[in-house]
mmCIF file of all heavy atoms, coordinates in Angstrom:
data_MODEL
# 
_entry.id   MODEL 
# 
loop_
_atom_site.group_PDB 
_atom_site.id 
_atom_site.type_symbol 
_atom_site.label_atom_id 
_atom_site.label_alt_id 
_atom_site.label_comp_id 
_atom_site.label_asym_id 
_atom_site.label_entity_id 
_atom_site.label_seq_id 
_atom_site.pdbx_PDB_ins_code 
_atom_site.Cartn_x 
_atom_site.Cartn_y 
_atom_site.Cartn_z 
_atom_site.occupancy 
_atom_site.B_iso_or_equiv 
_atom_site.pdbx_formal_charge 
_atom_site.auth_seq_id 
_atom_site.auth_comp_id 
_atom_site.auth_asym_id 
_atom_site.auth_atom_id 
_atom_site.pdbx_PDB_model_num 
ATOM 1   N N   . SER A 1 1  ? 0.832  -1.212  0.000   1.00 0.00 ? 1  SER A N   1 
ATOM 2   C CA  . SER A 1 1  ? 0.000  0.000   0.000   1.00 0.00 ? 1  SER A CA  1 
ATOM 3   C C   . SER A 1 1  ? 0.859  1.251   0.000   1.00 0.00 ? 1  SER A C   1 
ATOM 4   O O   . SER A 1 1  ? 0.541  2.243   -0.660  1.00 0.00 ? 1  SER A O   1 
ATOM 5   C CB  . SER A 1 1  ? -0.919 0.007   1.223   1.00 0.00 ? 1  SER A CB  1 
ATOM 6   O OG  . SER A 1 1  ? -1.840 -1.060  1.170   1.00 0.00 ? 1  SER A OG  1 
ATOM 7   N N   . ALA A 1 2  ? 1.977  1.215   0.736   1.00 0.00 ? 2  ALA A N   1 
ATOM 8   C CA  . ALA A 1 2  ? 2.880  2.368   0.785   1.00 0.00 ? 2  ALA A CA  1 
ATOM 9   C C   . ALA A 1 2  ? 3.449  2.681   -0.590  1.00 0.00 ? 2  ALA A C   1 
ATOM 10  O O   . ALA A 1 2  ? 3.671  3.840   -0.939  1.00 0.00 ? 2  ALA A O   1 
ATOM 11  C CB  . ALA A 1 2  ? 4.007  2.104   1.783   1.00 0.00 ? 2  ALA A CB  1 
ATOM 12  N N   . PHE A 1 3  ? 3.681  1.629   -1.388  1.00 0.00 ? 3  PHE A N   1 
ATOM 13  C CA  . PHE A 1 3  ? 4.169  1.820   -2.758  1.00 0.00 ? 3  PHE A CA  1 
ATOM 14  C C   . PHE A 1 3  ? 3.047  2.260   -3.688  1.00 0.00 ? 3  PHE A C   1 
ATOM 15  O O   . PHE A 1 3  ? 3.153  3.260   -4.403  1.00 0.00 ? 3  PHE A O   1 
ATOM 16  C CB  . PHE A 1 3  ? 4.781  0.515   -3.291  1.00 0.00 ? 3  PHE A CB  1 
ATOM 17  C CG  . PHE A 1 3  ? 6.250  0.391   -3.066  1.00 0.00 ? 3  PHE A CG  1 
ATOM 18  C CD1 . PHE A 1 3  ? 6.739  -0.169  -1.893  1.00 0.00 ? 3  PHE A CD1 1 
ATOM 19  C CD2 . PHE A 1 3  ? 7.154  0.831   -4.014  1.00 0.00 ? 3  PHE A CD2 1 
ATOM 20  C CE1 . PHE A 1 3  ? 8.096  -0.295  -1.679  1.00 0.00 ? 3  PHE A CE1 1 
ATOM 21  C CE2 . PHE A 1 3  ? 8.521  0.710   -3.814  1.00 0.00 ? 3  PHE A CE2 1 
ATOM 22  C CZ  . PHE A 1 3  ? 8.998  0.154   -2.632  1.00 0.00 ? 3  PHE A CZ  1 
ATOM 23  N N   . LEU A 1 4  ? 1.969  1.512   -3.688  1.00 0.00 ? 4  LEU A N   1 
ATOM 24  C CA  . LEU A 1 4  ? 0.919  1.699   -4.686  1.00 0.00 ? 4  LEU A CA  1 
ATOM 25  C C   . LEU A 1 4  ? 0.154  3.001   -4.500  1.00 0.00 ? 4  LEU A C   1 
ATOM 26  O O   . LEU A 1 4  ? -0.435 3.523   -5.455  1.00 0.00 ? 4  LEU A O   1 
ATOM 27  C CB  . LEU A 1 4  ? -0.038 0.511   -4.642  1.00 0.00 ? 4  LEU A CB  1 
ATOM 28  C CG  . LEU A 1 4  ? 0.608  -0.859  -4.938  1.00 0.00 ? 4  LEU A CG  1 
ATOM 29  C CD1 . LEU A 1 4  ? -0.406 -1.977  -4.773  1.00 0.00 ? 4  LEU A CD1 1 
ATOM 30  C CD2 . LEU A 1 4  ? 1.201  -0.885  -6.347  1.00 0.00 ? 4  LEU A CD2 1 
ATOM 31  N N   . ASN A 1 5  ? 0.183  3.556   -3.290  1.00 0.00 ? 5  ASN A N   1 
ATOM 32  C CA  . ASN A 1 5  ? -0.535 4.803   -3.034  1.00 0.00 ? 5  ASN A CA  1 
ATOM 33  C C   . ASN A 1 5  ? 0.363  6.029   -3.115  1.00 0.00 ? 5  ASN A C   1 
ATOM 34  O O   . ASN A 1 5  ? -0.031 7.115   -2.703  1.00 0.00 ? 5  ASN A O   1 
ATOM 35  C CB  . ASN A 1 5  ? -1.205 4.753   -1.649  1.00 0.00 ? 5  ASN A CB  1 
ATOM 36  C CG  . ASN A 1 5  ? -2.270 3.677   -1.570  1.00 0.00 ? 5  ASN A CG  1 
ATOM 37  O OD1 . ASN A 1 5  ? -2.912 3.361   -2.563  1.00 0.00 ? 5  ASN A OD1 1 
ATOM 38  N ND2 . ASN A 1 5  ? -2.451 3.097   -0.386  1.00 0.00 ? 5  ASN A ND2 1 
ATOM 39  N N   . ASN A 1 6  ? 1.564  5.853   -3.656  1.00 0.00 ? 6  ASN A N   1 
ATOM 40  C CA  . ASN A 1 6  ? 2.502  6.970   -3.750  1.00 0.00 ? 6  ASN A CA  1 
ATOM 41  C C   . ASN A 1 6  ? 2.955  7.125   -5.196  1.00 0.00 ? 6  ASN A C   1 
ATOM 42  O O   . ASN A 1 6  ? 3.644  6.262   -5.735  1.00 0.00 ? 6  ASN A O   1 
ATOM 43  C CB  . ASN A 1 6  ? 3.714  6.721   -2.835  1.00 0.00 ? 6  ASN A CB  1 
ATOM 44  C CG  . ASN A 1 6  ? 4.539  7.972   -2.614  1.00 0.00 ? 6  ASN A CG  1 
ATOM 45  O OD1 . ASN A 1 6  ? 4.799  8.717   -3.551  1.00 0.00 ? 6  ASN A OD1 1 
ATOM 46  N ND2 . ASN A 1 6  ? 4.930  8.200   -1.376  1.00 0.00 ? 6  ASN A ND2 1 
ATOM 47  N N   . ASN A 1 7  ? 2.576  8.225   -5.835  1.00 0.00 ? 7  ASN A N   1 
ATOM 48  C CA  . ASN A 1 7  ? 2.905  8.389   -7.258  1.00 0.00 ? 7  ASN A CA  1 
ATOM 49  C C   . ASN A 1 7  ? 4.389  8.681   -7.497  1.00 0.00 ? 7  ASN A C   1 
ATOM 50  O O   . ASN A 1 7  ? 4.856  8.668   -8.635  1.00 0.00 ? 7  ASN A O   1 
ATOM 51  C CB  . ASN A 1 7  ? 2.043  9.502   -7.886  1.00 0.00 ? 7  ASN A CB  1 
ATOM 52  C CG  . ASN A 1 7  ? 2.171  10.828  -7.150  1.00 0.00 ? 7  ASN A CG  1 
ATOM 53  O OD1 . ASN A 1 7  ? 3.111  11.041  -6.397  1.00 0.00 ? 7  ASN A OD1 1 
ATOM 54  N ND2 . ASN A 1 7  ? 1.206  11.720  -7.388  1.00 0.00 ? 7  ASN A ND2 1 
ATOM 55  N N   . LYS A 1 8  ? 5.156  8.957   -6.434  1.00 0.00 ? 8  LYS A N   1 
ATOM 56  C CA  . LYS A 1 8  ? 6.590  9.202   -6.594  1.00 0.00 ? 8  LYS A CA  1 
ATOM 57  C C   . LYS A 1 8  ? 7.357  7.911   -6.854  1.00 0.00 ? 8  LYS A C   1 
ATOM 58  O O   . LYS A 1 8  ? 8.509  7.954   -7.300  1.00 0.00 ? 8  LYS A O   1 
ATOM 59  C CB  . LYS A 1 8  ? 7.148  9.892   -5.348  1.00 0.00 ? 8  LYS A CB  1 
ATOM 60  C CG  . LYS A 1 8  ? 6.684  11.329  -5.168  1.00 0.00 ? 8  LYS A CG  1 
ATOM 61  C CD  . LYS A 1 8  ? 7.378  11.963  -3.960  1.00 0.00 ? 8  LYS A CD  1 
ATOM 62  C CE  . LYS A 1 8  ? 6.952  13.417  -3.800  1.00 0.00 ? 8  LYS A CE  1 
ATOM 63  N NZ  . LYS A 1 8  ? 7.610  14.054  -2.629  1.00 0.00 ? 8  LYS A NZ  1 
ATOM 64  N N   . ILE A 1 9  ? 6.756  6.783   -6.551  1.00 0.00 ? 9  ILE A N   1 
ATOM 65  C CA  . ILE A 1 9  ? 7.436  5.500   -6.749  1.00 0.00 ? 9  ILE A CA  1 
ATOM 66  C C   . ILE A 1 9  ? 6.557  4.552   -7.566  1.00 0.00 ? 9  ILE A C   1 
ATOM 67  O O   . ILE A 1 9  ? 6.475  3.367   -7.302  1.00 0.00 ? 9  ILE A O   1 
ATOM 68  C CB  . ILE A 1 9  ? 7.834  4.855   -5.402  1.00 0.00 ? 9  ILE A CB  1 
ATOM 69  C CG1 . ILE A 1 9  ? 6.678  4.892   -4.400  1.00 0.00 ? 9  ILE A CG1 1 
ATOM 70  C CG2 . ILE A 1 9  ? 9.058  5.515   -4.825  1.00 0.00 ? 9  ILE A CG2 1 
ATOM 71  C CD1 . ILE A 1 9  ? 6.996  4.233   -3.075  1.00 0.00 ? 9  ILE A CD1 1 
ATOM 72  N N   . SER A 1 10 ? 5.917  5.113   -8.554  1.00 0.00 ? 10 SER A N   1 
ATOM 73  C CA  . SER A 1 10 ? 4.989  4.334   -9.375  1.00 0.00 ? 10 SER A CA  1 
ATOM 74  C C   . SER A 1 10 ? 5.688  3.490   -10.434 1.00 0.00 ? 10 SER A C   1 
ATOM 75  O O   . SER A 1 10 ? 5.060  2.661   -11.091 1.00 0.00 ? 10 SER A O   1 
ATOM 76  C CB  . SER A 1 10 ? 3.986  5.270   -10.059 1.00 0.00 ? 10 SER A CB  1 
ATOM 77  O OG  . SER A 1 10 ? 4.673  6.210   -10.869 1.00 0.00 ? 10 SER A OG  1 
ATOM 78  N N   . ASP A 1 11 ? 7.001  3.695   -10.630 1.00 0.00 ? 11 ASP A N   1 
ATOM 79  C CA  . ASP A 1 11 ? 7.716  2.976   -11.686 1.00 0.00 ? 11 ASP A CA  1 
ATOM 80  C C   . ASP A 1 11 ? 8.355  1.673   -11.191 1.00 0.00 ? 11 ASP A C   1 
ATOM 81  O O   . ASP A 1 11 ? 9.228  1.118   -11.858 1.00 0.00 ? 11 ASP A O   1 
ATOM 82  C CB  . ASP A 1 11 ? 8.782  3.876   -12.323 1.00 0.00 ? 11 ASP A CB  1 
ATOM 83  C CG  . ASP A 1 11 ? 9.713  4.516   -11.294 1.00 0.00 ? 11 ASP A CG  1 
ATOM 84  O OD1 . ASP A 1 11 ? 9.407  4.424   -10.085 1.00 0.00 ? 11 ASP A OD1 1 
ATOM 85  O OD2 . ASP A 1 11 ? 10.722 5.100   -11.701 1.00 0.00 ? 11 ASP A OD2 1 
ATOM 86  N N   . PHE A 1 12 ? 7.919  1.172   -10.036 1.00 0.00 ? 12 PHE A N   1 
ATOM 87  C CA  . PHE A 1 12 ? 8.433  -0.092  -9.517  1.00 0.00 ? 12 PHE A CA  1 
ATOM 88  C C   . PHE A 1 12 ? 7.527  -1.250  -9.951  1.00 0.00 ? 12 PHE A C   1 
ATOM 89  O O   . PHE A 1 12 ? 6.327  -1.084  -10.113 1.00 0.00 ? 12 PHE A O   1 
ATOM 90  C CB  . PHE A 1 12 ? 8.508  -0.071  -7.988  1.00 0.00 ? 12 PHE A CB  1 
ATOM 91  C CG  . PHE A 1 12 ? 9.727  0.625   -7.446  1.00 0.00 ? 12 PHE A CG  1 
ATOM 92  C CD1 . PHE A 1 12 ? 9.820  2.002   -7.475  1.00 0.00 ? 12 PHE A CD1 1 
ATOM 93  C CD2 . PHE A 1 12 ? 10.781 -0.096  -6.925  1.00 0.00 ? 12 PHE A CD2 1 
ATOM 94  C CE1 . PHE A 1 12 ? 10.936 2.655   -6.974  1.00 0.00 ? 12 PHE A CE1 1 
ATOM 95  C CE2 . PHE A 1 12 ? 11.903 0.530   -6.426  1.00 0.00 ? 12 PHE A CE2 1 
ATOM 96  C CZ  . PHE A 1 12 ? 11.984 1.925   -6.450  1.00 0.00 ? 12 PHE A CZ  1 
ATOM 97  N N   . VAL A 1 13 ? 8.142  -2.404  -10.120 1.00 0.00 ? 13 VAL A N   1 
ATOM 98  C CA  . VAL A 1 13 ? 7.416  -3.637  -10.435 1.00 0.00 ? 13 VAL A CA  1 
ATOM 99  C C   . VAL A 1 13 ? 7.366  -4.488  -9.169  1.00 0.00 ? 13 VAL A C   1 
ATOM 100 O O   . VAL A 1 13 ? 8.352  -4.571  -8.425  1.00 0.00 ? 13 VAL A O   1 
ATOM 101 C CB  . VAL A 1 13 ? 8.120  -4.420  -11.566 1.00 0.00 ? 13 VAL A CB  1 
ATOM 102 C CG1 . VAL A 1 13 ? 7.422  -5.740  -11.818 1.00 0.00 ? 13 VAL A CG1 1 
ATOM 103 C CG2 . VAL A 1 13 ? 8.181  -3.584  -12.829 1.00 0.00 ? 13 VAL A CG2 1 
ATOM 104 N N   . PHE A 1 14 ? 6.217  -5.122  -8.895  1.00 0.00 ? 14 PHE A N   1 
ATOM 105 C CA  . PHE A 1 14 ? 6.091  -5.974  -7.720  1.00 0.00 ? 14 PHE A CA  1 
ATOM 106 C C   . PHE A 1 14 ? 5.974  -7.436  -8.119  1.00 0.00 ? 14 PHE A C   1 
ATOM 107 O O   . PHE A 1 14 ? 5.264  -7.777  -9.069  1.00 0.00 ? 14 PHE A O   1 
ATOM 108 C CB  . PHE A 1 14 ? 4.848  -5.595  -6.888  1.00 0.00 ? 14 PHE A CB  1 
ATOM 109 C CG  . PHE A 1 14 ? 4.584  -6.546  -5.752  1.00 0.00 ? 14 PHE A CG  1 
ATOM 110 C CD1 . PHE A 1 14 ? 5.354  -6.485  -4.600  1.00 0.00 ? 14 PHE A CD1 1 
ATOM 111 C CD2 . PHE A 1 14 ? 3.600  -7.523  -5.849  1.00 0.00 ? 14 PHE A CD2 1 
ATOM 112 C CE1 . PHE A 1 14 ? 5.134  -7.371  -3.547  1.00 0.00 ? 14 PHE A CE1 1 
ATOM 113 C CE2 . PHE A 1 14 ? 3.372  -8.409  -4.807  1.00 0.00 ? 14 PHE A CE2 1 
ATOM 114 C CZ  . PHE A 1 14 ? 4.143  -8.333  -3.653  1.00 0.00 ? 14 PHE A CZ  1 
ATOM 115 N N   . PHE A 1 15 ? 6.680  -8.304  -7.383  1.00 0.00 ? 15 PHE A N   1 
ATOM 116 C CA  . PHE A 1 15 ? 6.543  -9.740  -7.547  1.00 0.00 ? 15 PHE A CA  1 
ATOM 117 C C   . PHE A 1 15 ? 6.253  -10.382 -6.186  1.00 0.00 ? 15 PHE A C   1 
ATOM 118 O O   . PHE A 1 15 ? 6.941  -10.098 -5.202  1.00 0.00 ? 15 PHE A O   1 
ATOM 119 C CB  . PHE A 1 15 ? 7.814  -10.381 -8.117  1.00 0.00 ? 15 PHE A CB  1 
ATOM 120 C CG  . PHE A 1 15 ? 8.048  -10.095 -9.569  1.00 0.00 ? 15 PHE A CG  1 
ATOM 121 C CD1 . PHE A 1 15 ? 9.257  -9.562  -9.998  1.00 0.00 ? 15 PHE A CD1 1 
ATOM 122 C CD2 . PHE A 1 15 ? 7.072  -10.360 -10.514 1.00 0.00 ? 15 PHE A CD2 1 
ATOM 123 C CE1 . PHE A 1 15 ? 9.489  -9.307  -11.336 1.00 0.00 ? 15 PHE A CE1 1 
ATOM 124 C CE2 . PHE A 1 15 ? 7.292  -10.099 -11.856 1.00 0.00 ? 15 PHE A CE2 1 
ATOM 125 C CZ  . PHE A 1 15 ? 8.494  -9.572  -12.267 1.00 0.00 ? 15 PHE A CZ  1 
ATOM 126 N N   . ASN A 1 16 ? 5.252  -11.219 -6.164  1.00 0.00 ? 16 ASN A N   1 
ATOM 127 C CA  . ASN A 1 16 ? 5.020  -12.090 -5.019  1.00 0.00 ? 16 ASN A CA  1 
ATOM 128 C C   . ASN A 1 16 ? 5.934  -13.304 -5.206  1.00 0.00 ? 16 ASN A C   1 
ATOM 129 O O   . ASN A 1 16 ? 5.810  -14.027 -6.204  1.00 0.00 ? 16 ASN A O   1 
ATOM 130 C CB  . ASN A 1 16 ? 3.548  -12.522 -4.972  1.00 0.00 ? 16 ASN A CB  1 
ATOM 131 C CG  . ASN A 1 16 ? 3.206  -13.218 -3.676  1.00 0.00 ? 16 ASN A CG  1 
ATOM 132 O OD1 . ASN A 1 16 ? 3.964  -14.050 -3.193  1.00 0.00 ? 16 ASN A OD1 1 
ATOM 133 N ND2 . ASN A 1 16 ? 2.054  -12.885 -3.117  1.00 0.00 ? 16 ASN A ND2 1 
ATOM 134 N N   . ILE A 1 17 ? 6.853  -13.529 -4.281  1.00 0.00 ? 17 ILE A N   1 
ATOM 135 C CA  . ILE A 1 17 ? 7.890  -14.549 -4.473  1.00 0.00 ? 17 ILE A CA  1 
ATOM 136 C C   . ILE A 1 17 ? 7.298  -15.935 -4.694  1.00 0.00 ? 17 ILE A C   1 
ATOM 137 O O   . ILE A 1 17 ? 7.798  -16.720 -5.506  1.00 0.00 ? 17 ILE A O   1 
ATOM 138 C CB  . ILE A 1 17 ? 8.865  -14.565 -3.277  1.00 0.00 ? 17 ILE A CB  1 
ATOM 139 C CG1 . ILE A 1 17 ? 9.468  -13.180 -3.051  1.00 0.00 ? 17 ILE A CG1 1 
ATOM 140 C CG2 . ILE A 1 17 ? 9.980  -15.583 -3.502  1.00 0.00 ? 17 ILE A CG2 1 
ATOM 141 C CD1 . ILE A 1 17 ? 10.203 -12.613 -4.234  1.00 0.00 ? 17 ILE A CD1 1 
ATOM 142 N N   . SER A 1 18 ? 6.223  -16.251 -4.001  1.00 0.00 ? 18 SER A N   1 
ATOM 143 C CA  . SER A 1 18 ? 5.631  -17.585 -4.119  1.00 0.00 ? 18 SER A CA  1 
ATOM 144 C C   . SER A 1 18 ? 5.043  -17.837 -5.508  1.00 0.00 ? 18 SER A C   1 
ATOM 145 O O   . SER A 1 18 ? 4.822  -18.991 -5.888  1.00 0.00 ? 18 SER A O   1 
ATOM 146 C CB  . SER A 1 18 ? 4.556  -17.790 -3.054  1.00 0.00 ? 18 SER A CB  1 
ATOM 147 O OG  . SER A 1 18 ? 3.473  -16.906 -3.256  1.00 0.00 ? 18 SER A OG  1 
ATOM 148 N N   . ARG A 1 19 ? 4.785  -16.774 -6.255  1.00 0.00 ? 19 ARG A N   1 
ATOM 149 C CA  . ARG A 1 19 ? 4.205  -16.931 -7.586  1.00 0.00 ? 19 ARG A CA  1 
ATOM 150 C C   . ARG A 1 19 ? 5.255  -16.942 -8.698  1.00 0.00 ? 19 ARG A C   1 
ATOM 151 O O   . ARG A 1 19 ? 4.917  -17.085 -9.871  1.00 0.00 ? 19 ARG A O   1 
ATOM 152 C CB  . ARG A 1 19 ? 3.180  -15.820 -7.838  1.00 0.00 ? 19 ARG A CB  1 
ATOM 153 C CG  . ARG A 1 19 ? 1.978  -15.924 -6.902  1.00 0.00 ? 19 ARG A CG  1 
ATOM 154 C CD  . ARG A 1 19 ? 0.997  -14.810 -7.082  1.00 0.00 ? 19 ARG A CD  1 
ATOM 155 N NE  . ARG A 1 19 ? -0.084 -14.897 -6.091  1.00 0.00 ? 19 ARG A NE  1 
ATOM 156 C CZ  . ARG A 1 19 ? -1.001 -13.964 -5.905  1.00 0.00 ? 19 ARG A CZ  1 
ATOM 157 N NH1 . ARG A 1 19 ? -0.979 -12.869 -6.656  1.00 0.00 ? 19 ARG A NH1 1 
ATOM 158 N NH2 . ARG A 1 19 ? -1.925 -14.117 -4.980  1.00 0.00 ? 19 ARG A NH2 1 
ATOM 159 N N   . LEU A 1 20 ? 6.495  -16.780 -8.313  1.00 0.00 ? 20 LEU A N   1 
ATOM 160 C CA  . LEU A 1 20 ? 7.573  -16.916 -9.290  1.00 0.00 ? 20 LEU A CA  1 
ATOM 161 C C   . LEU A 1 20 ? 7.955  -18.393 -9.395  1.00 0.00 ? 20 LEU A C   1 
ATOM 162 O O   . LEU A 1 20 ? 7.940  -19.119 -8.404  1.00 0.00 ? 20 LEU A O   1 
ATOM 163 C CB  . LEU A 1 20 ? 8.800  -16.104 -8.862  1.00 0.00 ? 20 LEU A CB  1 
ATOM 164 C CG  . LEU A 1 20 ? 8.672  -14.581 -8.821  1.00 0.00 ? 20 LEU A CG  1 
ATOM 165 C CD1 . LEU A 1 20 ? 9.947  -13.963 -8.232  1.00 0.00 ? 20 LEU A CD1 1 
ATOM 166 C CD2 . LEU A 1 20 ? 8.400  -14.006 -10.209 1.00 0.00 ? 20 LEU A CD2 1 
ATOM 167 N N   . SER A 1 21 ? 8.325  -18.829 -10.589 1.00 0.00 ? 21 SER A N   1 
ATOM 168 C CA  . SER A 1 21 ? 8.802  -20.199 -10.753 1.00 0.00 ? 21 SER A CA  1 
ATOM 169 C C   . SER A 1 21 ? 10.183 -20.334 -10.114 1.00 0.00 ? 21 SER A C   1 
ATOM 170 O O   . SER A 1 21 ? 10.854 -19.336 -9.820  1.00 0.00 ? 21 SER A O   1 
ATOM 171 C CB  . SER A 1 21 ? 8.887  -20.560 -12.236 1.00 0.00 ? 21 SER A CB  1 
ATOM 172 O OG  . SER A 1 21 ? 9.922  -19.806 -12.862 1.00 0.00 ? 21 SER A OG  1 
ATOM 173 N N   . LYS A 1 22 ? 10.616 -21.563 -9.909  1.00 0.00 ? 22 LYS A N   1 
ATOM 174 C CA  . LYS A 1 22 ? 11.936 -21.802 -9.323  1.00 0.00 ? 22 LYS A CA  1 
ATOM 175 C C   . LYS A 1 22 ? 13.022 -21.190 -10.210 1.00 0.00 ? 22 LYS A C   1 
ATOM 176 O O   . LYS A 1 22 ? 13.988 -20.605 -9.706  1.00 0.00 ? 22 LYS A O   1 
ATOM 177 C CB  . LYS A 1 22 ? 12.189 -23.305 -9.160  1.00 0.00 ? 22 LYS A CB  1 
ATOM 178 C CG  . LYS A 1 22 ? 13.538 -23.615 -8.522  1.00 0.00 ? 22 LYS A CG  1 
ATOM 179 C CD  . LYS A 1 22 ? 13.750 -25.106 -8.355  1.00 0.00 ? 22 LYS A CD  1 
ATOM 180 C CE  . LYS A 1 22 ? 15.128 -25.375 -7.759  1.00 0.00 ? 22 LYS A CE  1 
ATOM 181 N NZ  . LYS A 1 22 ? 15.384 -26.831 -7.594  1.00 0.00 ? 22 LYS A NZ  1 
ATOM 182 N N   . ILE A 1 23 ? 12.872 -21.306 -11.520 1.00 0.00 ? 23 ILE A N   1 
ATOM 183 C CA  . ILE A 1 23 ? 13.851 -20.732 -12.438 1.00 0.00 ? 23 ILE A CA  1 
ATOM 184 C C   . ILE A 1 23 ? 13.868 -19.210 -12.321 1.00 0.00 ? 23 ILE A C   1 
ATOM 185 O O   . ILE A 1 23 ? 14.934 -18.585 -12.308 1.00 0.00 ? 23 ILE A O   1 
ATOM 186 C CB  . ILE A 1 23 ? 13.566 -21.168 -13.889 1.00 0.00 ? 23 ILE A CB  1 
ATOM 187 C CG1 . ILE A 1 23 ? 13.962 -22.637 -14.086 1.00 0.00 ? 23 ILE A CG1 1 
ATOM 188 C CG2 . ILE A 1 23 ? 14.311 -20.287 -14.892 1.00 0.00 ? 23 ILE A CG2 1 
ATOM 189 C CD1 . ILE A 1 23 ? 13.771 -23.159 -15.484 1.00 0.00 ? 23 ILE A CD1 1 
ATOM 190 N N   . GLN A 1 24 ? 12.686 -18.590 -12.217 1.00 0.00 ? 24 GLN A N   1 
ATOM 191 C CA  . GLN A 1 24 ? 12.630 -17.133 -12.080 1.00 0.00 ? 24 GLN A CA  1 
ATOM 192 C C   . GLN A 1 24 ? 13.265 -16.674 -10.768 1.00 0.00 ? 24 GLN A C   1 
ATOM 193 O O   . GLN A 1 24 ? 14.012 -15.698 -10.739 1.00 0.00 ? 24 GLN A O   1 
ATOM 194 C CB  . GLN A 1 24 ? 11.177 -16.657 -12.150 1.00 0.00 ? 24 GLN A CB  1 
ATOM 195 C CG  . GLN A 1 24 ? 10.563 -16.742 -13.533 1.00 0.00 ? 24 GLN A CG  1 
ATOM 196 C CD  . GLN A 1 24 ? 9.082  -16.415 -13.513 1.00 0.00 ? 24 GLN A CD  1 
ATOM 197 O OE1 . GLN A 1 24 ? 8.335  -16.836 -12.623 1.00 0.00 ? 24 GLN A OE1 1 
ATOM 198 N NE2 . GLN A 1 24 ? 8.631  -15.663 -14.512 1.00 0.00 ? 24 GLN A NE2 1 
ATOM 199 N N   . ARG A 1 25 ? 12.982 -17.406 -9.689  1.00 0.00 ? 25 ARG A N   1 
ATOM 200 C CA  . ARG A 1 25 ? 13.582 -17.036 -8.397  1.00 0.00 ? 25 ARG A CA  1 
ATOM 201 C C   . ARG A 1 25 ? 15.106 -17.147 -8.467  1.00 0.00 ? 25 ARG A C   1 
ATOM 202 O O   . ARG A 1 25 ? 15.827 -16.254 -8.007  1.00 0.00 ? 25 ARG A O   1 
ATOM 203 C CB  . ARG A 1 25 ? 13.032 -17.925 -7.281  1.00 0.00 ? 25 ARG A CB  1 
ATOM 204 C CG  . ARG A 1 25 ? 11.546 -17.738 -7.011  1.00 0.00 ? 25 ARG A CG  1 
ATOM 205 C CD  . ARG A 1 25 ? 11.146 -18.351 -5.681  1.00 0.00 ? 25 ARG A CD  1 
ATOM 206 N NE  . ARG A 1 25 ? 11.367 -19.791 -5.624  1.00 0.00 ? 25 ARG A NE  1 
ATOM 207 C CZ  . ARG A 1 25 ? 10.473 -20.707 -5.971  1.00 0.00 ? 25 ARG A CZ  1 
ATOM 208 N NH1 . ARG A 1 25 ? 9.281  -20.333 -6.428  1.00 0.00 ? 25 ARG A NH1 1 
ATOM 209 N NH2 . ARG A 1 25 ? 10.737 -21.996 -5.853  1.00 0.00 ? 25 ARG A NH2 1 
ATOM 210 N N   . SER A 1 26 ? 15.583 -18.219 -9.039  1.00 0.00 ? 26 SER A N   1 
ATOM 211 C CA  . SER A 1 26 ? 17.034 -18.411 -9.157  1.00 0.00 ? 26 SER A CA  1 
ATOM 212 C C   . SER A 1 26 ? 17.659 -17.353 -10.067 1.00 0.00 ? 26 SER A C   1 
ATOM 213 O O   . SER A 1 26 ? 18.780 -16.895 -9.830  1.00 0.00 ? 26 SER A O   1 
ATOM 214 C CB  . SER A 1 26 ? 17.333 -19.811 -9.703  1.00 0.00 ? 26 SER A CB  1 
ATOM 215 O OG  . SER A 1 26 ? 16.828 -20.806 -8.843  1.00 0.00 ? 26 SER A OG  1 
ATOM 216 N N   . TYR A 1 27 ? 16.928 -16.962 -11.099 1.00 0.00 ? 27 TYR A N   1 
ATOM 217 C CA  . TYR A 1 27 ? 17.385 -15.911 -12.020 1.00 0.00 ? 27 TYR A CA  1 
ATOM 218 C C   . TYR A 1 27 ? 17.611 -14.603 -11.260 1.00 0.00 ? 27 TYR A C   1 
ATOM 219 O O   . TYR A 1 27 ? 18.652 -13.957 -11.407 1.00 0.00 ? 27 TYR A O   1 
ATOM 220 C CB  . TYR A 1 27 ? 16.334 -15.724 -13.110 1.00 0.00 ? 27 TYR A CB  1 
ATOM 221 C CG  . TYR A 1 27 ? 16.574 -14.566 -14.060 1.00 0.00 ? 27 TYR A CG  1 
ATOM 222 C CD1 . TYR A 1 27 ? 17.439 -14.704 -15.134 1.00 0.00 ? 27 TYR A CD1 1 
ATOM 223 C CD2 . TYR A 1 27 ? 15.894 -13.362 -13.895 1.00 0.00 ? 27 TYR A CD2 1 
ATOM 224 C CE1 . TYR A 1 27 ? 17.640 -13.646 -16.020 1.00 0.00 ? 27 TYR A CE1 1 
ATOM 225 C CE2 . TYR A 1 27 ? 16.086 -12.308 -14.780 1.00 0.00 ? 27 TYR A CE2 1 
ATOM 226 C CZ  . TYR A 1 27 ? 16.959 -12.458 -15.839 1.00 0.00 ? 27 TYR A CZ  1 
ATOM 227 O OH  . TYR A 1 27 ? 17.153 -11.414 -16.716 1.00 0.00 ? 27 TYR A OH  1 
# 
């Protein structure tokens, strides 16, 4: 919420770690 409700940091990408594949996490 601190990120998504602040337009000064709107250029960040969010990942939920559990939804990344093992290869993506290792990457």
